[in-house]
Amino acid sequence: MPKPDPALIDPARYPFSCRIEPRFGDLDVNMHINNVAMAGFLEDGRVRFHRASRYRDGLGGLSSMIVSLAIEYLGEGHYPDALTIHTAIEHVGRTSHGLVQLMTQDDRIVAFARSTMVTVGPDGPAPMPATFAQQAEQWKLRP
């Protein structure tokens, strides 16, 4: 994935954010937060986003899974300052939706991620309930 569009690295465009404290064990030998730990923070941010947006309620009994995830490491993260994970829905399709995330630390850009999640029923990919798109509207990336 190429470096993201500059418009996507504006935290004000994201309707949700949460702060996560790194641990000393998240550091690499250069005393930076390692890439695996940063991927975990982005995952934690997605889960917190889904809880805040009542994501599961919108799925109407269906499940979902990530089918694509791309992370751009744009800066260094350091211990012990908290990371802020900003999350938004980028688009909603028939059976999937896309999320974008921006990770900052002390107002510095650390990482950008884009993921695609597919709605899954008992027989595989399934159309999202009609109410999902309505519920998702308030959680979309702001203009």
C-alpha atoms as a PDB file:
ATOM      1  CA  MET A   1       0.000   0.000   0.000  1.00  0.00           C
ATOM      2  CA  PRO A   2       1.468   3.392  -0.922  1.00  0.00           C
ATOM      3  CA  LYS A   3       1.671   6.232   1.583  1.00  0.00           C
ATOM      4  CA  PRO A   4      -1.911   7.300   2.368  1.00  0.00           C
ATOM      5  CA  ASP A   5      -3.643  10.310   0.898  1.00  0.00           C
ATOM      6  CA  PRO A   6      -2.799  13.298   3.156  1.00  0.00           C
ATOM      7  CA  ALA A   7      -6.534  13.794   3.773  1.00  0.00           C
ATOM      8  CA  LEU A   8      -6.580  10.409   5.543  1.00  0.00           C
ATOM      9  CA  ILE A   9      -4.020  11.454   8.133  1.00  0.00           C
ATOM     10  CA  ASP A  10      -6.223  14.169   9.642  1.00  0.00           C
ATOM     11  CA  PRO A  11      -7.435  12.872  13.049  1.00  0.00           C
ATOM     12  CA  ALA A  12     -10.417  15.273  12.949  1.00  0.00           C
ATOM     13  CA  ARG A  13     -11.989  13.158  10.177  1.00  0.00           C
ATOM     14  CA  TYR A  14     -12.315  10.097  12.409  1.00  0.00           C
ATOM     15  CA  PRO A  15     -15.482   9.789  14.545  1.00  0.00           C
ATOM     16  CA  PHE A  16     -13.907   7.452  17.113  1.00  0.00           C
ATOM     17  CA  SER A  17     -10.662   7.449  19.022  1.00  0.00           C
ATOM     18  CA  CYS A  18      -9.249   5.627  22.022  1.00  0.00           C
ATOM     19  CA  ARG A  19      -5.992   5.799  23.953  1.00  0.00           C
ATOM     20  CA  ILE A  20      -3.882   2.720  24.602  1.00  0.00           C
ATOM     21  CA  GLU A  21      -0.835   2.592  26.874  1.00  0.00           C
ATOM     22  CA  PRO A  22       2.154   0.685  25.502  1.00  0.00           C
ATOM     23  CA  ARG A  23       4.103  -1.662  27.755  1.00  0.00           C
ATOM     24  CA  PHE A  24       7.862  -1.852  28.095  1.00  0.00           C
ATOM     25  CA  GLY A  25       7.673  -5.347  26.562  1.00  0.00           C
ATOM     26  CA  ASP A  26       6.301  -3.785  23.334  1.00  0.00           C
ATOM     27  CA  LEU A  27       9.707  -2.248  22.553  1.00  0.00           C
ATOM     28  CA  ASP A  28      12.310  -3.502  20.098  1.00  0.00           C
ATOM     29  CA  VAL A  29      16.084  -3.383  20.646  1.00  0.00           C
ATOM     30  CA  ASN A  30      16.117   0.243  19.436  1.00  0.00           C
ATOM     31  CA  MET A  31      13.605   1.205  22.167  1.00  0.00           C
ATOM     32  CA  HIS A  32      10.801   1.828  19.618  1.00  0.00           C
ATOM     33  CA  ILE A  33       7.392   0.166  19.822  1.00  0.00           C
ATOM     34  CA  ASN A  34       7.811  -2.861  17.565  1.00  0.00           C
ATOM     35  CA  ASN A  35       5.641  -3.411  14.483  1.00  0.00           C
ATOM     36  CA  VAL A  36       3.928  -6.512  15.860  1.00  0.00           C
ATOM     37  CA  ALA A  37       2.846  -4.582  18.958  1.00  0.00           C
ATOM     38  CA  MET A  38       1.575  -1.722  16.771  1.00  0.00           C
ATOM     39  CA  ALA A  39      -0.521  -4.196  14.754  1.00  0.00           C
ATOM     40  CA  GLY A  40      -1.943  -5.412  18.078  1.00  0.00           C
ATOM     41  CA  PHE A  41      -2.812  -1.853  19.134  1.00  0.00           C
ATOM     42  CA  LEU A  42      -4.648  -1.352  15.832  1.00  0.00           C
ATOM     43  CA  GLU A  43      -6.545  -4.601  16.445  1.00  0.00           C
ATOM     44  CA  ASP A  44      -7.458  -3.448  19.957  1.00  0.00           C
ATOM     45  CA  GLY A  45      -8.612  -0.127  18.477  1.00  0.00           C
ATOM     46  CA  ARG A  46     -10.885  -1.971  15.998  1.00  0.00           C
ATOM     47  CA  VAL A  47     -12.446  -3.990  18.804  1.00  0.00           C
ATOM     48  CA  ARG A  48     -13.034  -0.871  20.913  1.00  0.00           C
ATOM     49  CA  PHE A  49     -14.521   0.860  17.855  1.00  0.00           C
ATOM     50  CA  HIS A  50     -16.884  -2.053  17.272  1.00  0.00           C
ATOM     51  CA  ARG A  51     -17.996  -1.996  20.906  1.00  0.00           C
ATOM     52  CA  ALA A  52     -18.628   1.763  20.854  1.00  0.00           C
ATOM     53  CA  SER A  53     -20.526   1.593  17.542  1.00  0.00           C
ATOM     54  CA  ARG A  54     -22.599  -1.420  18.656  1.00  0.00           C
ATOM     55  CA  TYR A  55     -21.299  -3.160  15.561  1.00  0.00           C
ATOM     56  CA  ARG A  56     -22.561  -6.619  16.507  1.00  0.00           C
ATOM     57  CA  ASP A  57     -26.105  -5.315  16.946  1.00  0.00           C
ATOM     58  CA  GLY A  58     -26.015  -4.019  13.368  1.00  0.00           C
ATOM     59  CA  LEU A  59     -25.038  -7.438  12.016  1.00  0.00           C
ATOM     60  CA  GLY A  60     -28.335  -8.979  13.106  1.00  0.00           C
ATOM     61  CA  GLY A  61     -26.888 -12.293  14.295  1.00  0.00           C
ATOM     62  CA  LEU A  62     -24.300 -12.625  11.536  1.00  0.00           C
ATOM     63  CA  SER A  63     -20.558 -12.655  12.143  1.00  0.00           C
ATOM     64  CA  SER A  64     -17.674 -10.919  10.391  1.00  0.00           C
ATOM     65  CA  MET A  65     -13.990 -11.390   9.726  1.00  0.00           C
ATOM     66  CA  ILE A  66     -11.081  -9.398   8.370  1.00  0.00           C
ATOM     67  CA  VAL A  67     -10.126 -10.506   4.871  1.00  0.00           C
ATOM     68  CA  SER A  68      -7.573  -7.793   4.158  1.00  0.00           C
ATOM     69  CA  LEU A  69      -5.319  -5.662   6.341  1.00  0.00           C
ATOM     70  CA  ALA A  70      -2.576  -3.274   5.255  1.00  0.00           C
ATOM     71  CA  ILE A  71      -0.486  -1.214   7.676  1.00  0.00           C
ATOM     72  CA  GLU A  72       1.781   1.677   6.788  1.00  0.00           C
ATOM     73  CA  TYR A  73       4.328   2.455   9.502  1.00  0.00           C
ATOM     74  CA  LEU A  74       4.796   6.224   9.154  1.00  0.00           C
ATOM     75  CA  GLY A  75       6.705   7.120  12.309  1.00  0.00           C
ATOM     76  CA  GLU A  76       8.218   5.761  15.490  1.00  0.00           C
ATOM     77  CA  GLY A  77       6.276   5.005  18.642  1.00  0.00           C
ATOM     78  CA  HIS A  78       7.961   5.338  22.024  1.00  0.00           C
ATOM     79  CA  TYR A  79       7.370   4.098  25.554  1.00  0.00           C
ATOM     80  CA  PRO A  80       5.633   5.162  27.846  1.00  0.00           C
ATOM     81  CA  ASP A  81       3.423   7.749  26.094  1.00  0.00           C
ATOM     82  CA  ALA A  82      -0.087   6.597  25.184  1.00  0.00           C
ATOM     83  CA  LEU A  83      -1.029   5.934  21.579  1.00  0.00           C
ATOM     84  CA  THR A  84      -4.310   7.245  20.178  1.00  0.00           C
ATOM     85  CA  ILE A  85      -6.085   5.022  17.678  1.00  0.00           C
ATOM     86  CA  HIS A  86      -8.566   6.868  15.439  1.00  0.00           C
ATOM     87  CA  THR A  87     -11.038   4.672  13.532  1.00  0.00           C
ATOM     88  CA  ALA A  88     -13.725   5.239  10.890  1.00  0.00           C
ATOM     89  CA  ILE A  89     -15.767   3.283   8.388  1.00  0.00           C
ATOM     90  CA  GLU A  90     -14.513   4.190   4.932  1.00  0.00           C
ATOM     91  CA  HIS A  91     -17.206   2.508   2.844  1.00  0.00           C
ATOM     92  CA  VAL A  92     -20.054  -0.002   3.095  1.00  0.00           C
ATOM     93  CA  GLY A  93     -20.649  -2.558   0.358  1.00  0.00           C
ATOM     94  CA  ARG A  94     -23.096  -5.429  -0.087  1.00  0.00           C
ATOM     95  CA  THR A  95     -21.235  -8.040   1.999  1.00  0.00           C
ATOM     96  CA  SER A  96     -18.274  -6.042   3.284  1.00  0.00           C
ATOM     97  CA  HIS A  97     -17.155  -2.738   4.674  1.00  0.00           C
ATOM     98  CA  GLY A  98     -13.827  -0.990   4.910  1.00  0.00           C
ATOM     99  CA  LEU A  99     -12.226   0.571   7.953  1.00  0.00           C
ATOM    100  CA  VAL A 100      -9.417   3.104   8.137  1.00  0.00           C
ATOM    101  CA  GLN A 101      -7.322   3.727  11.231  1.00  0.00           C
ATOM    102  CA  LEU A 102      -4.790   6.332  12.158  1.00  0.00           C
ATOM    103  CA  MET A 103      -2.372   5.860  15.061  1.00  0.00           C
ATOM    104  CA  THR A 104      -0.891   8.953  16.683  1.00  0.00           C
ATOM    105  CA  GLN A 105       1.338   9.593  19.665  1.00  0.00           C
ATOM    106  CA  ASP A 106       1.687  13.101  21.092  1.00  0.00           C
ATOM    107  CA  ASP A 107       0.108  14.496  17.881  1.00  0.00           C
ATOM    108  CA  ARG A 108       2.681  12.696  15.675  1.00  0.00           C
ATOM    109  CA  ILE A 109       1.496  10.254  13.010  1.00  0.00           C
ATOM    110  CA  VAL A 110       2.778   6.753  13.766  1.00  0.00           C
ATOM    111  CA  ALA A 111       0.786   4.428  11.489  1.00  0.00           C
ATOM    112  CA  PHE A 112      -2.115   4.180   9.064  1.00  0.00           C
ATOM    113  CA  ALA A 113      -4.136   1.009   8.426  1.00  0.00           C
ATOM    114  CA  ARG A 114      -6.865   0.000   6.024  1.00  0.00           C
ATOM    115  CA  SER A 115      -8.874  -3.186   6.471  1.00  0.00           C
ATOM    116  CA  THR A 116     -11.786  -4.929   4.783  1.00  0.00           C
ATOM    117  CA  MET A 117     -14.282  -6.897   6.844  1.00  0.00           C
ATOM    118  CA  VAL A 118     -16.726  -9.395   5.314  1.00  0.00           C
ATOM    119  CA  THR A 119     -20.071 -10.334   6.835  1.00  0.00           C
ATOM    120  CA  VAL A 120     -20.361 -14.098   7.300  1.00  0.00           C
ATOM    121  CA  GLY A 121     -23.401 -16.335   7.709  1.00  0.00           C
ATOM    122  CA  PRO A 122     -23.654 -20.112   8.123  1.00  0.00           C
ATOM    123  CA  ASP A 123     -22.851 -20.682   4.428  1.00  0.00           C
ATOM    124  CA  GLY A 124     -20.068 -18.099   3.996  1.00  0.00           C
ATOM    125  CA  PRO A 125     -20.168 -14.456   2.926  1.00  0.00           C
ATOM    126  CA  ALA A 126     -23.611 -12.949   3.455  1.00  0.00           C
ATOM    127  CA  PRO A 127     -25.281  -9.647   2.622  1.00  0.00           C
ATOM    128  CA  MET A 128     -25.240  -7.171   5.479  1.00  0.00           C
ATOM    129  CA  PRO A 129     -28.607  -6.384   7.038  1.00  0.00           C
ATOM    130  CA  ALA A 130     -30.207  -3.226   5.598  1.00  0.00           C
ATOM    131  CA  THR A 131     -30.018  -1.574   8.993  1.00  0.00           C
ATOM    132  CA  PHE A 132     -26.215  -1.876   9.062  1.00  0.00           C
ATOM    133  CA  ALA A 133     -25.685   0.891   6.494  1.00  0.00           C
ATOM    134  CA  GLN A 134     -27.986   3.216   8.453  1.00  0.00           C
ATOM    135  CA  GLN A 135     -26.241   2.455  11.743  1.00  0.00           C
ATOM    136  CA  ALA A 136     -22.813   2.835  10.115  1.00  0.00           C
ATOM    137  CA  GLU A 137     -23.513   6.321   8.767  1.00  0.00           C
ATOM    138  CA  GLN A 138     -22.515   8.142  11.965  1.00  0.00           C
ATOM    139  CA  TRP A 139     -19.245   6.168  12.144  1.00  0.00           C
ATOM    140  CA  LYS A 140     -18.063   6.972   8.621  1.00  0.00           C
ATOM    141  CA  LEU A 141     -14.987   9.015   7.807  1.00  0.00           C
ATOM    142  CA  ARG A 142     -15.910  12.700   8.039  1.00  0.00           C
ATOM    143  CA  PRO A 143     -15.528  14.999   5.009  1.00  0.00           C
END
